[in-house]
């Protein structure tokens, strides 16, 4: 057992929590919690989850996560996922640019011939169209049509017709009013970074819908909780590329989204993509808090 694991376990026992209790609070599987206490990080789904799970464990037992990670940083494996992903992204466009610089000598030799052939084809088509127009104009027009006049009479307006017109006008006004209500545009405030530098606050107004969607592009921990810290997604767990986590949070006052690797996830609120205040490359683990208000 490492010194970090011993300190976390001691804090857990002082709170009177069992590993099962801590699993319910943090939504982290019991075997991962036990591995943190024992310092056995090899069973974790990835090195960048080690720091995320340690932070959640520390928060659950009222310890300072940042202080623990700084004090025992020699015991915690470094997170190299973001760096390797960035390097691969930079190298790929350079390779494509190198390929695009290779000239095609055969194509350049054919270019003058292709241009001449194109001009010849255009000239032939233009002459053909010109002769066709002359031939059409020389033909007499024997199909002159006599215009037909239709006398349309408007029936007199009766009392019943007037009532129908009034009713139709009221229905139209009602439809216009409903359309105006539907056209109220939702507003999502600009994210505000709080003191811990890994939590971004947003405010959603001007809508009755409150739908959360997280599109996963790589391995990452995803958890979605309401204002009472109750998990409202199907499960808080490690998700993989192409996974999608969807939550209908209508009726909730606040939603907290926890991302273990923020660079590997895109968050949408009512189909509007969120822009994180903290750069994912600087802060891999991030919290997104969305406060809902029906008032504009």
Protein backbone atom coordinates (compact mmCIF):
# COMPACT_ATOMS: atom_id res chain seq x y z
CA UNK A 1 0.00 0.00 0.00
CA UNK A 2 1.33 3.47 -0.96
CA UNK A 3 1.35 6.49 1.34
CA UNK A 4 -1.33 8.10 -0.84
CA UNK A 5 -3.51 5.00 -0.64
CA UNK A 6 -3.02 4.79 3.13
CA UNK A 7 -4.08 8.43 3.60
CA UNK A 8 -7.20 7.98 1.46
CA UNK A 9 -8.16 4.78 3.26
CA UNK A 10 -7.64 6.44 6.66
CA UNK A 11 -9.93 9.33 5.61
CA UNK A 12 -12.56 6.86 4.36
CA UNK A 13 -12.55 4.88 7.61
CA UNK A 14 -12.76 8.09 9.65
CA UNK A 15 -15.94 8.92 7.74
CA UNK A 16 -17.29 5.45 8.48
CA UNK A 17 -17.54 4.58 4.78
CA UNK A 18 -17.10 1.09 3.39
CA UNK A 19 -15.87 0.58 -0.18
CA UNK A 20 -19.48 -0.17 -1.15
CA UNK A 21 -20.58 3.16 0.35
CA UNK A 22 -17.83 5.00 -1.52
CA UNK A 23 -18.76 3.25 -4.77
CA UNK A 24 -22.35 4.54 -4.40
CA UNK A 25 -21.14 8.10 -3.68
CA UNK A 26 -18.50 8.40 -6.44
CA UNK A 27 -20.03 5.97 -8.98
CA UNK A 28 -16.53 4.49 -9.39
CA UNK A 29 -16.35 0.70 -9.44
CA UNK A 30 -15.30 -0.89 -6.15
CA UNK A 31 -12.29 -2.67 -7.69
CA UNK A 32 -10.85 0.68 -8.87
CA UNK A 33 -11.31 2.21 -5.40
CA UNK A 34 -9.53 -0.76 -3.82
CA UNK A 35 -6.73 -0.50 -6.40
CA UNK A 36 -6.19 3.19 -5.51
CA UNK A 37 -5.79 2.31 -1.82
CA UNK A 38 -3.35 -0.49 -2.66
CA UNK A 39 -1.43 1.59 -5.23
CA UNK A 40 -2.20 -1.00 -7.93
CA UNK A 41 -2.79 1.34 -10.89
CA UNK A 42 -2.15 -1.35 -13.51
CA UNK A 43 -5.82 -2.46 -13.54
CA UNK A 44 -7.06 1.05 -14.40
CA UNK A 45 -8.53 1.55 -17.92
CA UNK A 46 -5.82 4.15 -18.67
CA UNK A 47 -3.19 6.23 -16.91
CA UNK A 48 -5.21 9.43 -17.27
CA UNK A 49 -8.07 7.86 -15.25
CA UNK A 50 -5.81 7.36 -12.23
CA UNK A 51 -5.75 11.11 -11.47
CA UNK A 52 -9.47 11.49 -12.18
CA UNK A 53 -10.45 8.63 -9.82
CA UNK A 54 -8.08 9.85 -7.08
CA UNK A 55 -9.66 13.32 -7.27
CA UNK A 56 -13.19 11.92 -6.95
CA UNK A 57 -12.13 9.67 -4.06
CA UNK A 58 -10.53 12.66 -2.26
CA UNK A 59 -13.57 14.89 -2.79
CA UNK A 60 -15.87 12.19 -1.36
CA UNK A 61 -13.86 12.02 1.91
CA UNK A 62 -13.36 15.83 2.14
CA UNK A 63 -9.65 15.90 1.25
CA UNK A 64 -7.98 18.43 -1.08
CA UNK A 65 -7.43 16.54 -4.33
CA UNK A 66 -4.88 19.01 -5.73
CA UNK A 67 -2.85 19.00 -2.51
CA UNK A 68 -2.78 15.17 -2.44
CA UNK A 69 -1.69 14.89 -6.06
CA UNK A 70 1.06 17.47 -5.53
CA UNK A 71 2.30 15.85 -2.32
CA UNK A 72 2.36 12.31 -3.71
CA UNK A 73 3.02 13.11 -7.37
CA UNK A 74 5.90 10.62 -7.42
CA UNK A 75 3.41 7.80 -6.72
CA UNK A 76 0.90 8.79 -9.43
CA UNK A 77 1.66 7.87 -13.08
CA UNK A 78 1.92 10.80 -15.48
CA UNK A 79 -0.84 11.35 -18.04
CA UNK A 80 0.65 11.12 -21.55
CA UNK A 81 -2.52 10.59 -23.56
CA UNK A 82 -3.12 14.23 -24.51
CA UNK A 83 0.51 14.75 -25.64
CA UNK A 84 0.58 11.69 -27.91
CA UNK A 85 -2.78 12.64 -29.44
CA UNK A 86 -1.56 16.17 -30.16
CA UNK A 87 1.69 14.92 -31.76
CA UNK A 88 -0.19 12.54 -34.06
CA UNK A 89 -2.57 15.35 -35.07
CA UNK A 90 0.32 17.68 -35.97
CA UNK A 91 2.26 15.09 -37.97
CA UNK A 92 -0.64 13.99 -40.15
CA UNK A 93 -1.24 17.33 -42.01
CA UNK A 94 2.53 17.66 -42.63
CA UNK A 95 2.56 14.30 -44.42
CA UNK A 96 -0.40 15.34 -46.58
CA UNK A 97 1.27 18.61 -47.53
CA UNK A 98 4.41 16.74 -48.60
CA UNK A 99 2.40 14.48 -50.90
CA UNK A 100 0.55 17.44 -52.44
CA UNK A 101 3.85 19.07 -53.49
CA UNK A 102 4.79 16.20 -55.88
CA UNK A 103 4.08 17.56 -59.38
CA UNK A 104 2.43 15.47 -62.12
CA UNK A 105 4.70 15.97 -65.16
CA UNK A 106 2.48 14.03 -67.57
CA UNK A 107 -0.57 16.12 -66.72
CA UNK A 108 1.36 19.39 -67.22
CA UNK A 109 2.48 18.23 -70.69
CA UNK A 110 -1.14 17.53 -71.70
CA UNK A 111 -2.52 20.84 -70.39
CA UNK A 112 -1.97 22.96 -73.60
CA UNK A 113 -3.58 20.28 -75.77
CA UNK A 114 -6.59 20.03 -73.46
CA UNK A 115 -7.11 23.80 -73.54
CA UNK A 116 -7.06 23.89 -77.38
CA UNK A 117 -9.50 20.97 -77.58
CA UNK A 118 -11.86 22.69 -75.15
CA UNK A 119 -11.96 25.89 -77.25
CA UNK A 120 -12.72 23.87 -80.41
CA UNK A 121 -15.63 22.08 -78.71
CA UNK A 122 -17.05 25.39 -77.43
CA UNK A 123 -16.87 26.93 -80.94
CA UNK A 124 -18.68 23.95 -82.53
CA UNK A 125 -21.47 24.06 -79.94
CA UNK A 126 -21.90 27.84 -80.39
CA UNK A 127 -22.22 27.51 -84.20
CA UNK A 128 -24.77 24.70 -83.84
CA UNK A 129 -26.93 26.73 -81.46
CA UNK A 130 -26.76 29.75 -83.81
CA UNK A 131 -27.98 27.76 -86.85
CA UNK A 132 -30.75 26.14 -84.79
CA UNK A 133 -32.07 29.55 -83.73
CA UNK A 134 -32.08 30.82 -87.35
CA UNK A 135 -33.98 27.74 -88.51
CA UNK A 136 -36.62 28.16 -85.79
CA UNK A 137 -37.13 31.86 -86.59
CA UNK A 138 -37.67 31.16 -90.33
CA UNK A 139 -40.66 28.83 -89.68
CA UNK A 140 -44.12 30.52 -89.85
CA UNK A 141 -46.14 30.48 -86.64
CA UNK A 142 -49.44 28.79 -87.57
CA UNK A 143 -50.48 27.92 -84.05
CA UNK A 144 -51.72 31.33 -82.89
CA UNK A 145 -54.15 30.78 -80.06
CA UNK A 146 -57.23 32.92 -79.43
CA UNK A 147 -57.31 34.17 -75.86
CA UNK A 148 -60.25 32.91 -73.80
CA UNK A 149 -61.94 35.25 -71.33
CA UNK A 150 -63.44 33.69 -68.22
CA UNK A 151 -66.03 35.72 -66.32
CA UNK A 152 -65.62 34.92 -62.63
CA UNK A 153 -68.38 36.17 -60.36
CA UNK A 154 -67.85 36.59 -56.66
CA UNK A 155 -70.81 35.24 -54.68
CA UNK A 156 -72.43 37.71 -52.28
CA UNK A 157 -71.26 37.61 -48.70
CA UNK A 158 -73.85 36.09 -46.38
CA UNK A 159 -74.11 36.26 -42.61
CA UNK A 160 -72.77 32.70 -42.36
CA UNK A 161 -69.75 33.56 -44.49
CA UNK A 162 -68.99 36.57 -42.26
CA UNK A 163 -69.07 34.34 -39.16
CA UNK A 164 -66.65 31.91 -40.84
CA UNK A 165 -64.31 34.77 -41.73
CA UNK A 166 -64.29 36.05 -38.12
CA UNK A 167 -63.64 32.54 -36.76
CA UNK A 168 -60.85 32.02 -39.27
CA UNK A 169 -59.25 35.33 -38.26
CA UNK A 170 -59.30 34.32 -34.57
CA UNK A 171 -57.72 30.94 -35.38
CA UNK A 172 -54.99 32.70 -37.37
CA UNK A 173 -54.27 35.08 -34.46
CA UNK A 174 -54.02 32.09 -32.10
CA UNK A 175 -51.63 30.28 -34.45
CA UNK A 176 -49.50 33.44 -34.76
CA UNK A 177 -49.30 33.71 -30.96
CA UNK A 178 -48.24 30.05 -30.62
CA UNK A 179 -45.63 30.52 -33.37
CA UNK A 180 -44.22 33.55 -31.53
CA UNK A 181 -43.84 31.49 -28.34
CA UNK A 182 -42.04 28.72 -30.22
CA UNK A 183 -39.68 31.22 -31.85
CA UNK A 184 -38.23 32.29 -28.49
CA UNK A 185 -34.56 31.63 -28.89
CA UNK A 186 -32.70 29.80 -26.15
CA UNK A 187 -29.65 31.49 -24.71
CA UNK A 188 -26.64 29.70 -23.28
CA UNK A 189 -24.29 31.97 -21.37
CA UNK A 190 -20.55 32.06 -21.97
CA UNK A 191 -18.76 29.59 -19.71
CA UNK A 192 -17.25 31.01 -16.52
CA UNK A 193 -14.23 29.25 -15.00
CA UNK A 194 -14.34 28.97 -11.19
CA UNK A 195 -11.42 29.01 -8.75
CA UNK A 196 -10.47 25.32 -9.06
CA UNK A 197 -9.69 25.91 -12.79
CA UNK A 198 -11.43 22.68 -13.79
CA UNK A 199 -15.12 23.66 -13.33
CA UNK A 200 -16.99 25.79 -15.89
CA UNK A 201 -20.42 27.30 -15.07
CA UNK A 202 -23.12 28.01 -17.69
CA UNK A 203 -26.69 29.38 -17.51
CA UNK A 204 -29.44 28.15 -19.90
CA UNK A 205 -32.51 30.40 -20.47
CA UNK A 206 -35.27 31.02 -23.02
CA UNK A 207 -36.34 27.38 -23.46
CA UNK A 208 -38.35 24.65 -21.77
CA UNK A 209 -36.11 21.86 -23.07
CA UNK A 210 -33.03 20.70 -21.15
CA UNK A 211 -31.38 17.89 -23.07
CA UNK A 212 -27.74 16.87 -22.59
CA UNK A 213 -25.72 14.90 -25.16
CA UNK A 214 -22.08 13.82 -24.78
CA UNK A 215 -20.39 12.48 -27.94
CA UNK A 216 -17.32 10.42 -27.06
CA UNK A 217 -14.32 10.45 -29.43
CA UNK A 218 -11.89 8.48 -27.25
CA UNK A 219 -11.67 6.76 -23.86
CA UNK A 220 -13.09 9.03 -21.14
CA UNK A 221 -15.01 8.88 -17.87
CA UNK A 222 -18.51 10.44 -18.15
CA UNK A 223 -20.89 11.10 -15.27
CA UNK A 224 -24.03 13.30 -15.21
CA UNK A 225 -25.54 14.40 -11.87
CA UNK A 226 -28.39 16.73 -10.86
CA UNK A 227 -28.34 19.46 -8.22
CA UNK A 228 -28.63 16.78 -5.49
CA UNK A 229 -25.50 14.96 -6.80
CA UNK A 230 -27.76 12.08 -7.97
CA UNK A 231 -26.57 10.27 -11.12
CA UNK A 232 -29.20 10.81 -13.86
CA UNK A 233 -27.45 9.10 -16.78
CA UNK A 234 -27.76 5.35 -17.44
CA UNK A 235 -24.43 4.89 -15.70
CA UNK A 236 -21.31 6.83 -14.76
CA UNK A 237 -18.46 4.88 -16.31
CA UNK A 238 -15.62 4.82 -18.82
CA UNK A 239 -16.96 5.30 -22.36
CA UNK A 240 -15.18 4.69 -25.65
CA UNK A 241 -15.01 6.27 -29.11
CA UNK A 242 -18.40 6.49 -30.92
CA UNK A 243 -20.34 6.12 -27.63
CA UNK A 244 -23.08 8.70 -26.99
CA UNK A 245 -24.48 9.59 -23.56
CA UNK A 246 -27.92 11.25 -23.70
CA UNK A 247 -29.87 12.66 -20.73
CA UNK A 248 -33.23 14.48 -20.65
CA UNK A 249 -32.79 16.84 -17.68
CA UNK A 250 -36.14 18.65 -18.03
CA UNK A 251 -37.34 19.71 -14.58
CA UNK A 252 -33.81 19.80 -13.12
CA UNK A 253 -32.45 23.07 -11.73
CA UNK A 254 -28.82 22.21 -12.35
CA UNK A 255 -26.74 19.51 -14.06
CA UNK A 256 -23.08 18.64 -13.38
CA UNK A 257 -21.16 16.75 -16.11
CA UNK A 258 -17.87 15.12 -15.08
CA UNK A 259 -15.34 14.33 -17.87
CA UNK A 260 -12.24 12.26 -17.09
CA UNK A 261 -10.56 13.20 -20.38
CA UNK A 262 -12.21 16.38 -21.68
CA UNK A 263 -10.26 16.27 -24.96
CA UNK A 264 -12.08 13.03 -25.85
CA UNK A 265 -15.66 14.35 -25.53
CA UNK A 266 -17.99 16.94 -27.06
CA UNK A 267 -20.88 18.26 -24.94
CA UNK A 268 -24.15 19.57 -26.44
CA UNK A 269 -27.08 21.31 -24.70
CA UNK A 270 -30.27 21.22 -26.81
CA UNK A 271 -28.00 20.50 -29.83
CA UNK A 272 -25.81 23.58 -29.08
CA UNK A 273 -22.14 22.68 -28.59
CA UNK A 274 -20.47 23.94 -25.41
CA UNK A 275 -17.11 25.71 -25.55
CA UNK A 276 -15.00 24.86 -22.51
CA UNK A 277 -13.41 27.77 -20.66
CA UNK A 278 -10.40 25.62 -19.71
CA UNK A 279 -8.32 24.15 -22.56
CA UNK A 280 -8.61 20.30 -22.47
CA UNK A 281 -4.86 19.97 -23.10
CA UNK A 282 -4.18 21.94 -19.90
CA UNK A 283 -6.96 20.37 -17.79
CA UNK A 284 -7.82 16.81 -18.82
CA UNK A 285 -10.36 16.34 -16.03
CA UNK A 286 -13.16 18.92 -16.14
CA UNK A 287 -16.55 19.61 -14.56
CA UNK A 288 -19.33 21.32 -16.54
CA UNK A 289 -22.15 22.86 -14.47
CA UNK A 290 -25.29 24.05 -16.32
CA UNK A 291 -27.83 26.07 -14.31
CA UNK A 292 -31.33 26.11 -15.84
CA UNK A 293 -33.69 29.11 -15.66
CA UNK A 294 -36.98 29.50 -17.56
CA UNK A 295 -36.78 33.33 -17.27
CA UNK A 296 -35.00 35.20 -20.09
